[in-house]
Amino acid sequence: MSALINSMSQGVNSAASKELNKRFGLPDHVTFCGYLIHIKQKDQFLSTVIETASVSQRNFVKTPELAQRFNEYGEAYNTARPENDEKIVGLFDSGTQLYVYPII
């Protein structure tokens, strides 16, 4: 698992993507599309973050297609607020359906 975490922190290459597919029982043709931040209790996904010296605004959407995607796990990790029940999930596309799975 630690090798998978290390590859996730560097972004997902095709070998790591295949490992994620295997871990979640997804077929090989399913494509990893990036990391999202999800609040399971509200079933919402982070879409935008605005941070300035005087404003902190986080907007959420109901569908993963509209969510902000992170190419690197570390980016998602640094943006997520666990104290607000925000979790990092992976977005996968089969061509006909999107799948969302918790990464850690």
N, C-alpha and C. Protein backbone atom coordinates (compact mmCIF):
# COMPACT_ATOMS: atom_id res chain seq x y z
N MET A 1 0.81 -1.19 0.00
CA MET A 1 0.00 0.00 0.00
C MET A 1 0.86 1.26 0.00
N SER A 2 2.01 1.26 0.72
CA SER A 2 2.81 2.47 0.77
C SER A 2 3.38 2.84 -0.60
N ALA A 3 3.68 1.86 -1.44
CA ALA A 3 4.14 2.16 -2.80
C ALA A 3 3.04 2.85 -3.58
N LEU A 4 1.81 2.42 -3.38
CA LEU A 4 0.67 3.05 -4.05
C LEU A 4 0.51 4.47 -3.56
N ILE A 5 0.65 4.71 -2.26
CA ILE A 5 0.54 6.06 -1.71
C ILE A 5 1.65 6.93 -2.29
N ASN A 6 2.88 6.42 -2.37
CA ASN A 6 3.98 7.19 -2.93
C ASN A 6 3.70 7.56 -4.37
N SER A 7 3.18 6.62 -5.17
CA SER A 7 2.89 6.94 -6.56
C SER A 7 1.75 7.93 -6.66
N MET A 8 0.80 7.88 -5.71
CA MET A 8 -0.31 8.82 -5.73
C MET A 8 0.18 10.23 -5.42
N SER A 9 1.17 10.36 -4.55
CA SER A 9 1.65 11.69 -4.21
C SER A 9 2.39 12.32 -5.38
N GLN A 10 2.86 11.52 -6.31
CA GLN A 10 3.55 12.03 -7.50
C GLN A 10 2.60 12.17 -8.68
N GLY A 11 1.33 11.91 -8.49
CA GLY A 11 0.40 11.86 -9.61
C GLY A 11 0.24 10.40 -9.99
N VAL A 12 -0.73 10.09 -10.79
CA VAL A 12 -0.98 8.69 -11.12
C VAL A 12 -0.48 8.40 -12.52
N ASN A 13 0.49 7.47 -12.60
CA ASN A 13 0.94 7.02 -13.91
C ASN A 13 0.10 5.80 -14.28
N SER A 14 0.35 5.21 -15.44
CA SER A 14 -0.51 4.11 -15.88
C SER A 14 -0.38 2.88 -14.98
N ALA A 15 0.81 2.63 -14.44
CA ALA A 15 0.98 1.48 -13.54
C ALA A 15 0.17 1.69 -12.25
N ALA A 16 0.24 2.90 -11.70
CA ALA A 16 -0.52 3.19 -10.48
C ALA A 16 -2.01 3.17 -10.77
N SER A 17 -2.40 3.65 -11.95
CA SER A 17 -3.82 3.64 -12.33
C SER A 17 -4.33 2.20 -12.40
N LYS A 18 -3.54 1.30 -12.98
CA LYS A 18 -3.94 -0.11 -13.04
C LYS A 18 -4.04 -0.71 -11.65
N GLU A 19 -3.15 -0.30 -10.76
CA GLU A 19 -3.19 -0.79 -9.38
C GLU A 19 -4.46 -0.32 -8.69
N LEU A 20 -4.84 0.94 -8.93
CA LEU A 20 -6.09 1.45 -8.35
C LEU A 20 -7.28 0.69 -8.91
N ASN A 21 -7.29 0.43 -10.23
CA ASN A 21 -8.38 -0.34 -10.84
C ASN A 21 -8.49 -1.71 -10.17
N LYS A 22 -7.34 -2.34 -9.97
CA LYS A 22 -7.32 -3.67 -9.35
C LYS A 22 -7.84 -3.59 -7.91
N ARG A 23 -7.40 -2.57 -7.19
CA ARG A 23 -7.79 -2.41 -5.78
C ARG A 23 -9.31 -2.26 -5.65
N PHE A 24 -9.94 -1.55 -6.59
CA PHE A 24 -11.37 -1.31 -6.51
C PHE A 24 -12.19 -2.29 -7.34
N GLY A 25 -11.53 -3.26 -7.95
CA GLY A 25 -12.24 -4.26 -8.74
C GLY A 25 -12.82 -3.72 -10.03
N LEU A 26 -12.15 -2.74 -10.61
CA LEU A 26 -12.62 -2.14 -11.85
C LEU A 26 -11.94 -2.78 -13.05
N PRO A 27 -12.61 -2.87 -14.18
CA PRO A 27 -12.00 -3.43 -15.38
C PRO A 27 -10.82 -2.58 -15.87
N ASP A 28 -9.93 -3.18 -16.65
CA ASP A 28 -8.74 -2.49 -17.14
C ASP A 28 -9.06 -1.28 -18.01
N HIS A 29 -10.19 -1.30 -18.72
CA HIS A 29 -10.51 -0.19 -19.62
C HIS A 29 -11.00 1.06 -18.90
N VAL A 30 -11.24 0.96 -17.60
CA VAL A 30 -11.68 2.12 -16.82
C VAL A 30 -10.48 3.04 -16.61
N THR A 31 -10.70 4.34 -16.82
CA THR A 31 -9.63 5.33 -16.76
C THR A 31 -9.72 6.14 -15.48
N PHE A 32 -8.58 6.32 -14.84
CA PHE A 32 -8.51 7.19 -13.67
C PHE A 32 -8.48 8.63 -14.17
N CYS A 33 -9.35 9.49 -13.63
CA CYS A 33 -9.49 10.87 -14.12
C CYS A 33 -8.96 11.91 -13.15
N GLY A 34 -8.58 11.52 -11.96
CA GLY A 34 -8.04 12.48 -11.01
C GLY A 34 -8.64 12.31 -9.63
N TYR A 35 -8.19 13.15 -8.73
CA TYR A 35 -8.66 13.14 -7.35
C TYR A 35 -9.68 14.25 -7.16
N LEU A 36 -10.69 13.98 -6.34
CA LEU A 36 -11.72 14.95 -5.99
C LEU A 36 -11.79 15.04 -4.48
N ILE A 37 -12.42 16.10 -4.00
CA ILE A 37 -12.69 16.24 -2.57
C ILE A 37 -14.20 16.12 -2.39
N HIS A 38 -14.59 15.21 -1.51
CA HIS A 38 -16.00 14.83 -1.37
C HIS A 38 -16.43 14.91 0.08
N ILE A 39 -17.64 15.39 0.31
CA ILE A 39 -18.27 15.31 1.62
C ILE A 39 -19.37 14.27 1.50
N LYS A 40 -19.13 13.10 2.02
CA LYS A 40 -20.07 11.98 1.86
C LYS A 40 -21.43 12.27 2.48
N GLN A 41 -21.44 12.83 3.67
CA GLN A 41 -22.69 13.08 4.38
C GLN A 41 -23.64 13.97 3.56
N LYS A 42 -23.08 14.94 2.85
CA LYS A 42 -23.89 15.85 2.03
C LYS A 42 -23.91 15.42 0.56
N ASP A 43 -23.08 14.44 0.21
CA ASP A 43 -22.90 13.99 -1.17
C ASP A 43 -22.62 15.17 -2.09
N GLN A 44 -21.57 15.93 -1.72
CA GLN A 44 -21.16 17.09 -2.48
C GLN A 44 -19.67 17.01 -2.76
N PHE A 45 -19.28 17.64 -3.88
CA PHE A 45 -17.89 17.65 -4.32
C PHE A 45 -17.40 19.09 -4.41
N LEU A 46 -16.16 19.32 -4.00
CA LEU A 46 -15.57 20.65 -4.07
C LEU A 46 -15.44 21.07 -5.53
N SER A 47 -15.91 22.29 -5.83
CA SER A 47 -15.80 22.77 -7.21
C SER A 47 -14.82 23.94 -7.34
N THR A 48 -14.86 24.87 -6.41
CA THR A 48 -13.92 26.00 -6.48
C THR A 48 -13.49 26.41 -5.08
N VAL A 49 -12.29 26.96 -5.03
CA VAL A 49 -11.75 27.49 -3.79
C VAL A 49 -11.22 28.88 -4.09
N ILE A 50 -11.66 29.84 -3.30
CA ILE A 50 -11.15 31.21 -3.41
C ILE A 50 -10.55 31.56 -2.07
N GLU A 51 -9.26 31.82 -2.06
CA GLU A 51 -8.55 32.16 -0.82
C GLU A 51 -7.80 33.46 -1.05
N THR A 52 -8.15 34.48 -0.30
CA THR A 52 -7.41 35.74 -0.30
C THR A 52 -7.14 36.11 1.15
N ALA A 53 -6.51 37.24 1.34
CA ALA A 53 -6.22 37.68 2.71
C ALA A 53 -7.50 37.92 3.50
N SER A 54 -8.58 38.30 2.81
CA SER A 54 -9.81 38.63 3.53
C SER A 54 -10.97 37.69 3.26
N VAL A 55 -10.83 36.75 2.31
CA VAL A 55 -11.94 35.87 1.94
C VAL A 55 -11.46 34.43 1.82
N SER A 56 -12.28 33.55 2.36
CA SER A 56 -12.08 32.12 2.16
C SER A 56 -13.43 31.54 1.76
N GLN A 57 -13.53 31.13 0.50
CA GLN A 57 -14.80 30.63 -0.01
C GLN A 57 -14.59 29.29 -0.70
N ARG A 58 -15.42 28.32 -0.35
CA ARG A 58 -15.37 26.98 -0.94
C ARG A 58 -16.77 26.67 -1.47
N ASN A 59 -16.84 26.36 -2.76
CA ASN A 59 -18.12 26.05 -3.39
C ASN A 59 -18.18 24.56 -3.70
N PHE A 60 -19.37 23.99 -3.54
CA PHE A 60 -19.56 22.56 -3.75
C PHE A 60 -20.66 22.32 -4.78
N VAL A 61 -20.55 21.19 -5.47
CA VAL A 61 -21.53 20.78 -6.48
C VAL A 61 -22.00 19.36 -6.15
N LYS A 62 -23.10 18.97 -6.77
CA LYS A 62 -23.68 17.65 -6.51
C LYS A 62 -23.12 16.54 -7.39
N THR A 63 -22.50 16.88 -8.51
CA THR A 63 -22.04 15.84 -9.44
C THR A 63 -20.52 15.87 -9.59
N PRO A 64 -19.89 14.72 -9.69
CA PRO A 64 -18.44 14.67 -9.80
C PRO A 64 -17.90 15.26 -11.10
N GLU A 65 -18.72 15.27 -12.17
CA GLU A 65 -18.25 15.84 -13.44
C GLU A 65 -17.90 17.31 -13.31
N LEU A 66 -18.58 18.02 -12.41
CA LEU A 66 -18.39 19.46 -12.25
C LEU A 66 -17.37 19.81 -11.16
N ALA A 67 -16.85 18.81 -10.48
CA ALA A 67 -15.93 19.03 -9.37
C ALA A 67 -14.54 19.41 -9.87
N GLN A 68 -13.82 20.10 -9.00
CA GLN A 68 -12.42 20.41 -9.28
C GLN A 68 -11.61 19.12 -9.23
N ARG A 69 -10.82 18.88 -10.26
CA ARG A 69 -9.98 17.67 -10.31
C ARG A 69 -8.54 18.03 -9.99
N PHE A 70 -7.93 17.18 -9.22
CA PHE A 70 -6.52 17.34 -8.87
C PHE A 70 -5.74 16.22 -9.54
N ASN A 71 -4.66 16.56 -10.21
CA ASN A 71 -3.82 15.55 -10.86
C ASN A 71 -2.92 14.84 -9.86
N GLU A 72 -2.59 15.52 -8.79
CA GLU A 72 -1.70 14.95 -7.79
C GLU A 72 -2.42 14.80 -6.45
N TYR A 73 -2.17 13.68 -5.82
CA TYR A 73 -2.77 13.40 -4.52
C TYR A 73 -2.41 14.49 -3.50
N GLY A 74 -1.16 14.92 -3.52
CA GLY A 74 -0.70 15.93 -2.57
C GLY A 74 -1.47 17.23 -2.67
N GLU A 75 -1.85 17.63 -3.87
CA GLU A 75 -2.64 18.84 -4.07
C GLU A 75 -4.01 18.68 -3.40
N ALA A 76 -4.64 17.55 -3.64
CA ALA A 76 -5.94 17.29 -3.03
C ALA A 76 -5.82 17.23 -1.50
N TYR A 77 -4.79 16.57 -1.03
CA TYR A 77 -4.56 16.44 0.41
C TYR A 77 -4.40 17.80 1.06
N ASN A 78 -3.64 18.70 0.43
CA ASN A 78 -3.41 20.03 0.99
C ASN A 78 -4.65 20.92 0.93
N THR A 79 -5.57 20.62 0.04
CA THR A 79 -6.79 21.42 -0.12
C THR A 79 -7.92 20.91 0.77
N ALA A 80 -7.97 19.61 1.01
CA ALA A 80 -9.06 19.01 1.80
C ALA A 80 -9.03 19.51 3.25
N ARG A 81 -10.20 19.63 3.80
CA ARG A 81 -10.35 20.00 5.21
C ARG A 81 -11.02 18.84 5.95
N PRO A 82 -10.20 17.94 6.50
CA PRO A 82 -10.76 16.78 7.21
C PRO A 82 -11.68 17.17 8.36
N GLU A 83 -11.42 18.30 8.98
CA GLU A 83 -12.28 18.74 10.09
C GLU A 83 -13.70 19.06 9.63
N ASN A 84 -13.88 19.24 8.32
CA ASN A 84 -15.20 19.47 7.74
C ASN A 84 -15.71 18.23 7.02
N ASP A 85 -15.15 17.08 7.36
CA ASP A 85 -15.51 15.79 6.76
C ASP A 85 -15.22 15.71 5.27
N GLU A 86 -14.27 16.50 4.78
CA GLU A 86 -13.87 16.43 3.37
C GLU A 86 -12.86 15.29 3.21
N LYS A 87 -13.17 14.39 2.30
CA LYS A 87 -12.33 13.22 2.04
C LYS A 87 -11.86 13.23 0.59
N ILE A 88 -10.73 12.63 0.35
CA ILE A 88 -10.20 12.53 -1.01
C ILE A 88 -10.73 11.25 -1.64
N VAL A 89 -11.26 11.41 -2.85
CA VAL A 89 -11.77 10.27 -3.61
C VAL A 89 -11.12 10.27 -4.99
N GLY A 90 -11.14 9.12 -5.61
CA GLY A 90 -10.66 9.00 -6.98
C GLY A 90 -11.85 8.96 -7.93
N LEU A 91 -11.69 9.59 -9.08
CA LEU A 91 -12.73 9.59 -10.10
C LEU A 91 -12.28 8.69 -11.24
N PHE A 92 -13.13 7.75 -11.61
CA PHE A 92 -12.84 6.79 -12.67
C PHE A 92 -13.94 6.85 -13.72
N ASP A 93 -13.57 6.68 -14.98
CA ASP A 93 -14.52 6.76 -16.08
C ASP A 93 -14.45 5.49 -16.91
N SER A 94 -15.61 4.84 -17.08
CA SER A 94 -15.66 3.62 -17.90
C SER A 94 -16.06 3.92 -19.34
N GLY A 95 -16.35 5.19 -19.62
CA GLY A 95 -16.83 5.56 -20.94
C GLY A 95 -18.34 5.71 -20.95
N THR A 96 -19.02 4.99 -20.07
CA THR A 96 -20.47 5.10 -19.97
C THR A 96 -20.93 5.48 -18.56
N GLN A 97 -20.01 5.35 -17.60
CA GLN A 97 -20.37 5.60 -16.21
C GLN A 97 -19.16 6.12 -15.45
N LEU A 98 -19.41 7.02 -14.50
CA LEU A 98 -18.36 7.51 -13.61
C LEU A 98 -18.44 6.76 -12.29
N TYR A 99 -17.28 6.47 -11.73
CA TYR A 99 -17.17 5.80 -10.43
C TYR A 99 -16.37 6.72 -9.52
N VAL A 100 -16.77 6.79 -8.25
CA VAL A 100 -16.05 7.55 -7.25
C VAL A 100 -15.76 6.62 -6.09
N TYR A 101 -14.47 6.53 -5.72
CA TYR A 101 -14.06 5.65 -4.62
C TYR A 101 -13.15 6.41 -3.66
N PRO A 102 -13.34 6.23 -2.35
CA PRO A 102 -12.42 6.83 -1.38
C PRO A 102 -11.02 6.26 -1.60
N ILE A 103 -10.03 7.14 -1.58
CA ILE A 103 -8.66 6.69 -1.80
C ILE A 103 -8.05 6.14 -0.53
N ILE A 104 -8.22 6.84 0.57
CA ILE A 104 -7.62 6.38 1.83
C ILE A 104 -8.64 6.48 2.93
